[in-house]
Amino acid sequence: MPRISIDTKKSLYKPIEVEIDGKILTVKRITHDIIQKIPEFDERVRNGDLLAAYDRLELFLGKHRVIRTLDLGQVKDITQFIITNIVTQEREEKNVSIPGDKASQ
């Protein structure tokens, strides 16, 4: 019978990293709770609360003093980079068996 096994402590994906002034920050696990908060921050930004853009970035990276030193354009670029890489990220081949893949049967 086909099966997929998930270990929530281990990721099938390579970590996404952001380097700011030599400091490497790793994107946190994107969970249901984080995803639910994103629209709230997006709405606040649309309504002119530009500080919400920094708060949204901290959802992904955690609170780091260096984030508050970025200009708004940099915050936007980093956020876009993270979202693009979350959506298009490839699984590490060595850790994945794709359900239905004949090679894994």
PDB file of N, CA and C in Angstrom:
ATOM      1  N   MET A   1       0.843  -1.175   0.000  1.00  0.00           N
ATOM      2  CA  MET A   1       0.000   0.000   0.000  1.00  0.00           C
ATOM      3  C   MET A   1       0.895   1.248   0.000  1.00  0.00           C
ATOM      4  N   PRO A   2       0.613   2.250  -0.835  1.00  0.00           N
ATOM      5  CA  PRO A   2       1.419   3.471  -0.877  1.00  0.00           C
ATOM      6  C   PRO A   2       1.384   4.201   0.464  1.00  0.00           C
ATOM      7  N   ARG A   3       2.493   4.825   0.810  1.00  0.00           N
ATOM      8  CA  ARG A   3       2.589   5.540   2.077  1.00  0.00           C
ATOM      9  C   ARG A   3       3.563   6.712   1.946  1.00  0.00           C
ATOM     10  N   ILE A   4       3.248   7.786   2.633  1.00  0.00           N
ATOM     11  CA  ILE A   4       4.196   8.881   2.781  1.00  0.00           C
ATOM     12  C   ILE A   4       4.439   9.028   4.271  1.00  0.00           C
ATOM     13  N   SER A   5       5.682   9.185   4.635  1.00  0.00           N
ATOM     14  CA  SER A   5       6.051   9.315   6.038  1.00  0.00           C
ATOM     15  C   SER A   5       6.674  10.687   6.250  1.00  0.00           C
ATOM     16  N   ILE A   6       6.134  11.437   7.206  1.00  0.00           N
ATOM     17  CA  ILE A   6       6.611  12.795   7.478  1.00  0.00           C
ATOM     18  C   ILE A   6       7.176  12.851   8.880  1.00  0.00           C
ATOM     19  N   ASP A   7       8.363  13.371   9.006  1.00  0.00           N
ATOM     20  CA  ASP A   7       8.987  13.621  10.303  1.00  0.00           C
ATOM     21  C   ASP A   7       8.946  15.132  10.501  1.00  0.00           C
ATOM     22  N   THR A   8       8.102  15.619  11.406  1.00  0.00           N
ATOM     23  CA  THR A   8       7.926  17.072  11.561  1.00  0.00           C
ATOM     24  C   THR A   8       9.147  17.760  12.167  1.00  0.00           C
ATOM     25  N   LYS A   9      10.086  16.994  12.675  1.00  0.00           N
ATOM     26  CA  LYS A   9      11.318  17.580  13.222  1.00  0.00           C
ATOM     27  C   LYS A   9      12.374  17.792  12.137  1.00  0.00           C
ATOM     28  N   LYS A  10      12.179  17.142  11.001  1.00  0.00           N
ATOM     29  CA  LYS A  10      13.139  17.168   9.904  1.00  0.00           C
ATOM     30  C   LYS A  10      12.430  17.692   8.658  1.00  0.00           C
ATOM     31  N   SER A  11      13.101  18.492   7.875  1.00  0.00           N
ATOM     32  CA  SER A  11      12.480  19.043   6.686  1.00  0.00           C
ATOM     33  C   SER A  11      12.966  18.321   5.442  1.00  0.00           C
ATOM     34  N   LEU A  12      12.080  18.230   4.460  1.00  0.00           N
ATOM     35  CA  LEU A  12      12.456  17.686   3.159  1.00  0.00           C
ATOM     36  C   LEU A  12      13.148  18.750   2.313  1.00  0.00           C
ATOM     37  N   TYR A  13      13.155  19.978   2.810  1.00  0.00           N
ATOM     38  CA  TYR A  13      13.639  21.109   2.038  1.00  0.00           C
ATOM     39  C   TYR A  13      14.901  21.700   2.647  1.00  0.00           C
ATOM     40  N   LYS A  14      15.736  22.241   1.788  1.00  0.00           N
ATOM     41  CA  LYS A  14      16.924  22.944   2.263  1.00  0.00           C
ATOM     42  C   LYS A  14      16.473  24.231   2.934  1.00  0.00           C
ATOM     43  N   PRO A  15      17.181  24.653   3.986  1.00  0.00           N
ATOM     44  CA  PRO A  15      16.789  25.906   4.636  1.00  0.00           C
ATOM     45  C   PRO A  15      16.998  27.098   3.705  1.00  0.00           C
ATOM     46  N   ILE A  16      16.143  28.088   3.855  1.00  0.00           N
ATOM     47  CA  ILE A  16      16.289  29.340   3.105  1.00  0.00           C
ATOM     48  C   ILE A  16      17.032  30.303   4.023  1.00  0.00           C
ATOM     49  N   GLU A  17      18.103  30.863   3.513  1.00  0.00           N
ATOM     50  CA  GLU A  17      18.918  31.759   4.326  1.00  0.00           C
ATOM     51  C   GLU A  17      18.961  33.147   3.711  1.00  0.00           C
ATOM     52  N   VAL A  18      19.054  34.129   4.596  1.00  0.00           N
ATOM     53  CA  VAL A  18      19.183  35.527   4.199  1.00  0.00           C
ATOM     54  C   VAL A  18      20.411  36.063   4.915  1.00  0.00           C
ATOM     55  N   GLU A  19      21.310  36.678   4.158  1.00  0.00           N
ATOM     56  CA  GLU A  19      22.502  37.277   4.763  1.00  0.00           C
ATOM     57  C   GLU A  19      22.340  38.792   4.769  1.00  0.00           C
ATOM     58  N   ILE A  20      22.458  39.374   5.949  1.00  0.00           N
ATOM     59  CA  ILE A  20      22.370  40.823   6.118  1.00  0.00           C
ATOM     60  C   ILE A  20      23.614  41.269   6.865  1.00  0.00           C
ATOM     61  N   ASP A  21      24.439  42.077   6.203  1.00  0.00           N
ATOM     62  CA  ASP A  21      25.679  42.580   6.803  1.00  0.00           C
ATOM     63  C   ASP A  21      26.517  41.461   7.423  1.00  0.00           C
ATOM     64  N   GLY A  22      26.618  40.341   6.721  1.00  0.00           N
ATOM     65  CA  GLY A  22      27.434  39.226   7.176  1.00  0.00           C
ATOM     66  C   GLY A  22      26.746  38.306   8.171  1.00  0.00           C
ATOM     67  N   LYS A  23      25.577  38.676   8.649  1.00  0.00           N
ATOM     68  CA  LYS A  23      24.830  37.843   9.597  1.00  0.00           C
ATOM     69  C   LYS A  23      23.844  36.979   8.807  1.00  0.00           C
ATOM     70  N   ILE A  24      23.913  35.668   9.010  1.00  0.00           N
ATOM     71  CA  ILE A  24      23.037  34.752   8.281  1.00  0.00           C
ATOM     72  C   ILE A  24      21.818  34.434   9.140  1.00  0.00           C
ATOM     73  N   LEU A  25      20.658  34.707   8.575  1.00  0.00           N
ATOM     74  CA  LEU A  25      19.390  34.405   9.236  1.00  0.00           C
ATOM     75  C   LEU A  25      18.702  33.296   8.444  1.00  0.00           C
ATOM     76  N   THR A  26      18.131  32.352   9.133  1.00  0.00           N
ATOM     77  CA  THR A  26      17.462  31.222   8.497  1.00  0.00           C
ATOM     78  C   THR A  26      15.953  31.379   8.659  1.00  0.00           C
ATOM     79  N   VAL A  27      15.242  31.169   7.576  1.00  0.00           N
ATOM     80  CA  VAL A  27      13.784  31.261   7.603  1.00  0.00           C
ATOM     81  C   VAL A  27      13.241  30.152   8.498  1.00  0.00           C
ATOM     82  N   LYS A  28      12.304  30.531   9.362  1.00  0.00           N
ATOM     83  CA  LYS A  28      11.680  29.580  10.274  1.00  0.00           C
ATOM     84  C   LYS A  28      10.777  28.624   9.493  1.00  0.00           C
ATOM     85  N   ARG A  29      10.395  27.528  10.134  1.00  0.00           N
ATOM     86  CA  ARG A  29       9.424  26.614   9.529  1.00  0.00           C
ATOM     87  C   ARG A  29       8.136  27.386   9.297  1.00  0.00           C
ATOM     88  N   ILE A  30       7.605  27.282   8.099  1.00  0.00           N
ATOM     89  CA  ILE A  30       6.367  27.978   7.756  1.00  0.00           C
ATOM     90  C   ILE A  30       5.204  27.054   8.109  1.00  0.00           C
ATOM     91  N   THR A  31       4.522  27.402   9.168  1.00  0.00           N
ATOM     92  CA  THR A  31       3.436  26.569   9.664  1.00  0.00           C
ATOM     93  C   THR A  31       2.089  27.242   9.405  1.00  0.00           C
ATOM     94  N   HIS A  32       1.046  26.540   9.690  1.00  0.00           N
ATOM     95  CA  HIS A  32      -0.320  27.042   9.542  1.00  0.00           C
ATOM     96  C   HIS A  32      -0.491  28.368  10.291  1.00  0.00           C
ATOM     97  N   ASP A  33       0.006  28.433  11.516  1.00  0.00           N
ATOM     98  CA  ASP A  33      -0.139  29.651  12.327  1.00  0.00           C
ATOM     99  C   ASP A  33       0.536  30.858  11.679  1.00  0.00           C
ATOM    100  N   ILE A  34       1.708  30.658  11.100  1.00  0.00           N
ATOM    101  CA  ILE A  34       2.417  31.758  10.428  1.00  0.00           C
ATOM    102  C   ILE A  34       1.651  32.190   9.187  1.00  0.00           C
ATOM    103  N   ILE A  35       1.208  31.230   8.404  1.00  0.00           N
ATOM    104  CA  ILE A  35       0.473  31.550   7.176  1.00  0.00           C
ATOM    105  C   ILE A  35      -0.790  32.350   7.488  1.00  0.00           C
ATOM    106  N   GLN A  36      -1.459  32.016   8.582  1.00  0.00           N
ATOM    107  CA  GLN A  36      -2.674  32.739   8.964  1.00  0.00           C
ATOM    108  C   GLN A  36      -2.413  34.205   9.294  1.00  0.00           C
ATOM    109  N   LYS A  37      -1.215  34.528   9.757  1.00  0.00           N
ATOM    110  CA  LYS A  37      -0.897  35.901  10.166  1.00  0.00           C
ATOM    111  C   LYS A  37      -0.512  36.800   8.986  1.00  0.00           C
ATOM    112  N   ILE A  38      -0.061  36.217   7.892  1.00  0.00           N
ATOM    113  CA  ILE A  38       0.429  37.002   6.756  1.00  0.00           C
ATOM    114  C   ILE A  38      -0.611  37.975   6.201  1.00  0.00           C
ATOM    115  N   PRO A  39      -1.857  37.555   5.957  1.00  0.00           N
ATOM    116  CA  PRO A  39      -2.838  38.507   5.414  1.00  0.00           C
ATOM    117  C   PRO A  39      -3.073  39.726   6.313  1.00  0.00           C
ATOM    118  N   GLU A  40      -2.993  39.531   7.618  1.00  0.00           N
ATOM    119  CA  GLU A  40      -3.158  40.657   8.547  1.00  0.00           C
ATOM    120  C   GLU A  40      -2.069  41.707   8.311  1.00  0.00           C
ATOM    121  N   PHE A  41      -0.832  41.258   8.175  1.00  0.00           N
ATOM    122  CA  PHE A  41       0.266  42.191   7.937  1.00  0.00           C
ATOM    123  C   PHE A  41       0.154  42.823   6.553  1.00  0.00           C
ATOM    124  N   ASP A  42      -0.246  42.038   5.558  1.00  0.00           N
ATOM    125  CA  ASP A  42      -0.437  42.578   4.210  1.00  0.00           C
ATOM    126  C   ASP A  42      -1.481  43.690   4.223  1.00  0.00           C
ATOM    127  N   GLU A  43      -2.572  43.469   4.934  1.00  0.00           N
ATOM    128  CA  GLU A  43      -3.642  44.470   5.024  1.00  0.00           C
ATOM    129  C   GLU A  43      -3.148  45.740   5.718  1.00  0.00           C
ATOM    130  N   ARG A  44      -2.396  45.577   6.781  1.00  0.00           N
ATOM    131  CA  ARG A  44      -1.854  46.740   7.491  1.00  0.00           C
ATOM    132  C   ARG A  44      -0.936  47.554   6.584  1.00  0.00           C
ATOM    133  N   VAL A  45      -0.113  46.872   5.788  1.00  0.00           N
ATOM    134  CA  VAL A  45       0.778  47.582   4.854  1.00  0.00           C
ATOM    135  C   VAL A  45      -0.058  48.334   3.821  1.00  0.00           C
ATOM    136  N   ARG A  46      -1.073  47.672   3.255  1.00  0.00           N
ATOM    137  CA  ARG A  46      -1.944  48.330   2.268  1.00  0.00           C
ATOM    138  C   ARG A  46      -2.637  49.564   2.855  1.00  0.00           C
ATOM    139  N   ASN A  47      -2.889  49.532   4.166  1.00  0.00           N
ATOM    140  CA  ASN A  47      -3.548  50.669   4.812  1.00  0.00           C
ATOM    141  C   ASN A  47      -2.563  51.731   5.295  1.00  0.00           C
ATOM    142  N   GLY A  48      -1.302  51.602   4.887  1.00  0.00           N
ATOM    143  CA  GLY A  48      -0.323  52.638   5.177  1.00  0.00           C
ATOM    144  C   GLY A  48       0.556  52.399   6.387  1.00  0.00           C
ATOM    145  N   ASP A  49       0.380  51.289   7.094  1.00  0.00           N
ATOM    146  CA  ASP A  49       1.227  50.968   8.250  1.00  0.00           C
ATOM    147  C   ASP A  49       2.480  50.255   7.742  1.00  0.00           C
ATOM    148  N   LEU A  50       3.476  51.030   7.360  1.00  0.00           N
ATOM    149  CA  LEU A  50       4.674  50.447   6.747  1.00  0.00           C
ATOM    150  C   LEU A  50       5.523  49.669   7.746  1.00  0.00           C
ATOM    151  N   LEU A  51       5.358  49.923   9.030  1.00  0.00           N
ATOM    152  CA  LEU A  51       6.088  49.128  10.022  1.00  0.00           C
ATOM    153  C   LEU A  51       5.632  47.664  10.002  1.00  0.00           C
ATOM    154  N   ALA A  52       4.426  47.433   9.522  1.00  0.00           N
ATOM    155  CA  ALA A  52       3.919  46.061   9.423  1.00  0.00           C
ATOM    156  C   ALA A  52       4.759  45.239   8.443  1.00  0.00           C
ATOM    157  N   ALA A  53       5.418  45.892   7.487  1.00  0.00           N
ATOM    158  CA  ALA A  53       6.297  45.168   6.556  1.00  0.00           C
ATOM    159  C   ALA A  53       7.468  44.544   7.319  1.00  0.00           C
ATOM    160  N   TYR A  54       7.982  45.261   8.315  1.00  0.00           N
ATOM    161  CA  TYR A  54       9.062  44.731   9.151  1.00  0.00           C
ATOM    162  C   TYR A  54       8.541  43.585  10.016  1.00  0.00           C
ATOM    163  N   ASP A  55       7.337  43.758  10.561  1.00  0.00           N
ATOM    164  CA  ASP A  55       6.733  42.712  11.392  1.00  0.00           C
ATOM    165  C   ASP A  55       6.497  41.443  10.573  1.00  0.00           C
ATOM    166  N   ARG A  56       6.057  41.617   9.326  1.00  0.00           N
ATOM    167  CA  ARG A  56       5.819  40.462   8.444  1.00  0.00           C
ATOM    168  C   ARG A  56       7.140  39.734   8.182  1.00  0.00           C
ATOM    169  N   LEU A  57       8.215  40.473   7.938  1.00  0.00           N
ATOM    170  CA  LEU A  57       9.515  39.843   7.713  1.00  0.00           C
ATOM    171  C   LEU A  57       9.962  39.073   8.957  1.00  0.00           C
ATOM    172  N   GLU A  58       9.659  39.625  10.123  1.00  0.00           N
ATOM    173  CA  GLU A  58      10.026  38.936  11.367  1.00  0.00           C
ATOM    174  C   GLU A  58       9.224  37.648  11.567  1.00  0.00           C
ATOM    175  N   LEU A  59       8.068  37.533  10.934  1.00  0.00           N
ATOM    176  CA  LEU A  59       7.339  36.257  10.966  1.00  0.00           C
ATOM    177  C   LEU A  59       8.199  35.150  10.368  1.00  0.00           C
ATOM    178  N   PHE A  60       8.895  35.485   9.300  1.00  0.00           N
ATOM    179  CA  PHE A  60       9.721  34.498   8.588  1.00  0.00           C
ATOM    180  C   PHE A  60      11.075  34.273   9.256  1.00  0.00           C
ATOM    181  N   LEU A  61      11.696  35.328   9.756  1.00  0.00           N
ATOM    182  CA  LEU A  61      13.074  35.247  10.237  1.00  0.00           C
ATOM    183  C   LEU A  61      13.222  35.282  11.752  1.00  0.00           C
ATOM    184  N   GLY A  62      12.169  35.653  12.447  1.00  0.00           N
ATOM    185  CA  GLY A  62      12.287  35.870  13.884  1.00  0.00           C
ATOM    186  C   GLY A  62      12.745  37.304  14.132  1.00  0.00           C
ATOM    187  N   LYS A  63      12.755  37.698  15.382  1.00  0.00           N
ATOM    188  CA  LYS A  63      13.145  39.069  15.724  1.00  0.00           C
ATOM    189  C   LYS A  63      14.670  39.145  15.810  1.00  0.00           C
ATOM    190  N   HIS A  64      15.221  40.001  14.987  1.00  0.00           N
ATOM    191  CA  HIS A  64      16.663  40.246  14.972  1.00  0.00           C
ATOM    192  C   HIS A  64      16.862  41.754  14.839  1.00  0.00           C
ATOM    193  N   ARG A  65      17.736  42.288  15.625  1.00  0.00           N
ATOM    194  CA  ARG A  65      17.983  43.729  15.621  1.00  0.00           C
ATOM    195  C   ARG A  65      18.324  44.251  14.229  1.00  0.00           C
ATOM    196  N   VAL A  66      19.043  43.455  13.448  1.00  0.00           N
ATOM    197  CA  VAL A  66      19.495  43.883  12.123  1.00  0.00           C
ATOM    198  C   VAL A  66      18.321  44.159  11.172  1.00  0.00           C
ATOM    199  N   ILE A  67      17.196  43.499  11.383  1.00  0.00           N
ATOM    200  CA  ILE A  67      16.038  43.718  10.506  1.00  0.00           C
ATOM    201  C   ILE A  67      15.566  45.163  10.593  1.00  0.00           C
ATOM    202  N   ARG A  68      15.618  45.729  11.771  1.00  0.00           N
ATOM    203  CA  ARG A  68      15.149  47.107  11.970  1.00  0.00           C
ATOM    204  C   ARG A  68      16.097  48.146  11.362  1.00  0.00           C
ATOM    205  N   THR A  69      17.270  47.712  10.913  1.00  0.00           N
ATOM    206  CA  THR A  69      18.219  48.645  10.272  1.00  0.00           C
ATOM    207  C   THR A  69      18.020  48.722   8.763  1.00  0.00           C
ATOM    208  N   LEU A  70      17.192  47.832   8.219  1.00  0.00           N
ATOM    209  CA  LEU A  70      16.973  47.786   6.770  1.00  0.00           C
ATOM    210  C   LEU A  70      16.073  48.927   6.320  1.00  0.00           C
ATOM    211  N   ASP A  71      16.262  49.356   5.071  1.00  0.00           N
ATOM    212  CA  ASP A  71      15.296  50.316   4.530  1.00  0.00           C
ATOM    213  C   ASP A  71      14.116  49.514   3.960  1.00  0.00           C
ATOM    214  N   LEU A  72      13.029  50.203   3.710  1.00  0.00           N
ATOM    215  CA  LEU A  72      11.794  49.547   3.296  1.00  0.00           C
ATOM    216  C   LEU A  72      11.958  48.740   2.007  1.00  0.00           C
ATOM    217  N   GLY A  73      12.744  49.248   1.059  1.00  0.00           N
ATOM    218  CA  GLY A  73      12.988  48.519  -0.184  1.00  0.00           C
ATOM    219  C   GLY A  73      13.703  47.202   0.064  1.00  0.00           C
ATOM    220  N   GLN A  74      14.648  47.211   0.999  1.00  0.00           N
ATOM    221  CA  GLN A  74      15.357  45.980   1.331  1.00  0.00           C
ATOM    222  C   GLN A  74      14.419  44.972   1.988  1.00  0.00           C
ATOM    223  N   VAL A  75      13.540  45.466   2.851  1.00  0.00           N
ATOM    224  CA  VAL A  75      12.555  44.587   3.496  1.00  0.00           C
ATOM    225  C   VAL A  75      11.680  43.931   2.429  1.00  0.00           C
ATOM    226  N   LYS A  76      11.242  44.730   1.474  1.00  0.00           N
ATOM    227  CA  LYS A  76      10.405  44.210   0.383  1.00  0.00           C
ATOM    228  C   LYS A  76      11.166  43.156  -0.424  1.00  0.00           C
ATOM    229  N   ASP A  77      12.425  43.447  -0.785  1.00  0.00           N
ATOM    230  CA  ASP A  77      13.227  42.507  -1.580  1.00  0.00           C
ATOM    231  C   ASP A  77      13.445  41.187  -0.844  1.00  0.00           C
ATOM    232  N   ILE A  78      13.750  41.262   0.442  1.00  0.00           N
ATOM    233  CA  ILE A  78      13.981  40.047   1.225  1.00  0.00           C
ATOM    234  C   ILE A  78      12.696  39.237   1.348  1.00  0.00           C
ATOM    235  N   THR A  79      11.588  39.916   1.616  1.00  0.00           N
ATOM    236  CA  THR A  79      10.303  39.227   1.746  1.00  0.00           C
ATOM    237  C   THR A  79       9.943  38.523   0.445  1.00  0.00           C
ATOM    238  N   GLN A  80      10.130  39.220  -0.688  1.00  0.00           N
ATOM    239  CA  GLN A  80       9.850  38.600  -1.994  1.00  0.00           C
ATOM    240  C   GLN A  80      10.743  37.387  -2.232  1.00  0.00           C
ATOM    241  N   PHE A  81      12.026  37.504  -1.887  1.00  0.00           N
ATOM    242  CA  PHE A  81      12.976  36.397  -2.033  1.00  0.00           C
ATOM    243  C   PHE A  81      12.508  35.186  -1.233  1.00  0.00           C
ATOM    244  N   ILE A  82      12.105  35.415   0.005  1.00  0.00           N
ATOM    245  CA  ILE A  82      11.661  34.317   0.869  1.00  0.00           C
ATOM    246  C   ILE A  82      10.409  33.654   0.299  1.00  0.00           C
ATOM    247  N   ILE A  83       9.418  34.454  -0.048  1.00  0.00           N
ATOM    248  CA  ILE A  83       8.164  33.897  -0.554  1.00  0.00           C
ATOM    249  C   ILE A  83       8.389  33.128  -1.848  1.00  0.00           C
ATOM    250  N   THR A  84       9.184  33.682  -2.756  1.00  0.00           N
ATOM    251  CA  THR A  84       9.482  32.998  -4.017  1.00  0.00           C
ATOM    252  C   THR A  84      10.149  31.653  -3.757  1.00  0.00           C
ATOM    253  N   ASN A  85      11.082  31.625  -2.825  1.00  0.00           N
ATOM    254  CA  ASN A  85      11.806  30.383  -2.554  1.00  0.00           C
ATOM    255  C   ASN A  85      10.966  29.378  -1.789  1.00  0.00           C
ATOM    256  N   ILE A  86      10.022  29.830  -0.998  1.00  0.00           N
ATOM    257  CA  ILE A  86       9.113  28.899  -0.322  1.00  0.00           C
ATOM    258  C   ILE A  86       8.234  28.216  -1.358  1.00  0.00           C
ATOM    259  N   VAL A  87       7.718  28.993  -2.285  1.00  0.00           N
ATOM    260  CA  VAL A  87       6.783  28.469  -3.284  1.00  0.00           C
ATOM    261  C   VAL A  87       7.476  27.559  -4.291  1.00  0.00           C
ATOM    262  N   THR A  88       8.709  27.867  -4.665  1.00  0.00           N
ATOM    263  CA  THR A  88       9.376  27.121  -5.737  1.00  0.00           C
ATOM    264  C   THR A  88      10.450  26.157  -5.246  1.00  0.00           C
ATOM    265  N   GLN A  89      10.582  26.008  -3.961  1.00  0.00           N
ATOM    266  CA  GLN A  89      11.669  25.205  -3.411  1.00  0.00           C
ATOM    267  C   GLN A  89      11.573  23.742  -3.826  1.00  0.00           C
ATOM    268  N   GLU A  90      12.717  23.183  -4.188  1.00  0.00           N
ATOM    269  CA  GLU A  90      12.810  21.775  -4.583  1.00  0.00           C
ATOM    270  C   GLU A  90      13.182  20.936  -3.367  1.00  0.00           C
ATOM    271  N   ARG A  91      12.593  19.745  -3.285  1.00  0.00           N
ATOM    272  CA  ARG A  91      12.961  18.824  -2.215  1.00  0.00           C
ATOM    273  C   ARG A  91      14.333  18.246  -2.507  1.00  0.00           C
ATOM    274  N   GLU A  92      15.063  17.956  -1.423  1.00  0.00           N
ATOM    275  CA  GLU A  92      16.349  17.287  -1.590  1.00  0.00           C
ATOM    276  C   GLU A  92      16.079  15.863  -2.046  1.00  0.00           C
ATOM    277  N   GLU A  93      16.643  15.503  -3.175  1.00  0.00           N
ATOM    278  CA  GLU A  93      16.376  14.191  -3.779  1.00  0.00           C
ATOM    279  C   GLU A  93      16.674  13.037  -2.823  1.00  0.00           C
ATOM    280  N   LYS A  94      17.731  13.138  -2.031  1.00  0.00           N
ATOM    281  CA  LYS A  94      18.103  12.023  -1.174  1.00  0.00           C
ATOM    282  C   LYS A  94      17.090  11.759  -0.068  1.00  0.00           C
ATOM    283  N   ASN A  95      16.266  12.726   0.272  1.00  0.00           N
ATOM    284  CA  ASN A  95      15.319  12.567   1.372  1.00  0.00           C
ATOM    285  C   ASN A  95      13.899  12.297   0.916  1.00  0.00           C
ATOM    286  N   VAL A  96      13.658  12.212  -0.375  1.00  0.00           N
ATOM    287  CA  VAL A  96      12.280  12.168  -0.847  1.00  0.00           C
ATOM    288  C   VAL A  96      12.004  10.916  -1.641  1.00  0.00           C
ATOM    289  N   SER A  97      10.900  10.303  -1.316  1.00  0.00           N
ATOM    290  CA  SER A  97      10.374   9.274  -2.193  1.00  0.00           C
ATOM    291  C   SER A  97       8.989   9.762  -2.579  1.00  0.00           C
ATOM    292  N   ILE A  98       8.822  10.033  -3.842  1.00  0.00           N
ATOM    293  CA  ILE A  98       7.567  10.596  -4.337  1.00  0.00           C
ATOM    294  C   ILE A  98       6.541   9.492  -4.449  1.00  0.00           C
ATOM    295  N   PRO A  99       5.376   9.678  -3.796  1.00  0.00           N
ATOM    296  CA  PRO A  99       4.338   8.641  -3.887  1.00  0.00           C
ATOM    297  C   PRO A  99       3.998   8.344  -5.344  1.00  0.00           C
ATOM    298  N   GLY A 100       3.947   7.058  -5.671  1.00  0.00           N
ATOM    299  CA  GLY A 100       3.619   6.659  -7.035  1.00  0.00           C
ATOM    300  C   GLY A 100       4.811   6.562  -7.960  1.00  0.00           C
ATOM    301  N   ASP A 101       5.981   6.977  -7.489  1.00  0.00           N
ATOM    302  CA  ASP A 101       7.203   6.918  -8.300  1.00  0.00           C
ATOM    303  C   ASP A 101       7.643   5.463  -8.403  1.00  0.00           C
ATOM    304  N   LYS A 102       7.705   4.925  -9.621  1.00  0.00           N
ATOM    305  CA  LYS A 102       8.029   3.515  -9.833  1.00  0.00           C
ATOM    306  C   LYS A 102       9.427   3.174  -9.349  1.00  0.00           C
ATOM    307  N   ALA A 103      10.342   4.120  -9.381  1.00  0.00           N
ATOM    308  CA  ALA A 103      11.712   3.858  -8.952  1.00  0.00           C
ATOM    309  C   ALA A 103      11.767   3.580  -7.457  1.00  0.00           C
ATOM    310  N   SER A 104      10.815   4.101  -6.696  1.00  0.00           N
ATOM    311  CA  SER A 104      10.839   3.907  -5.248  1.00  0.00           C
ATOM    312  C   SER A 104      10.030   2.698  -4.816  1.00  0.00           C
ATOM    313  N   GLN A 105       9.420   1.978  -5.768  1.00  0.00           N
ATOM    314  CA  GLN A 105       8.586   0.830  -5.405  1.00  0.00           C
ATOM    315  C   GLN A 105       9.361  -0.457  -5.490  1.00  0.00           C
TER     316      GLN A 105
END
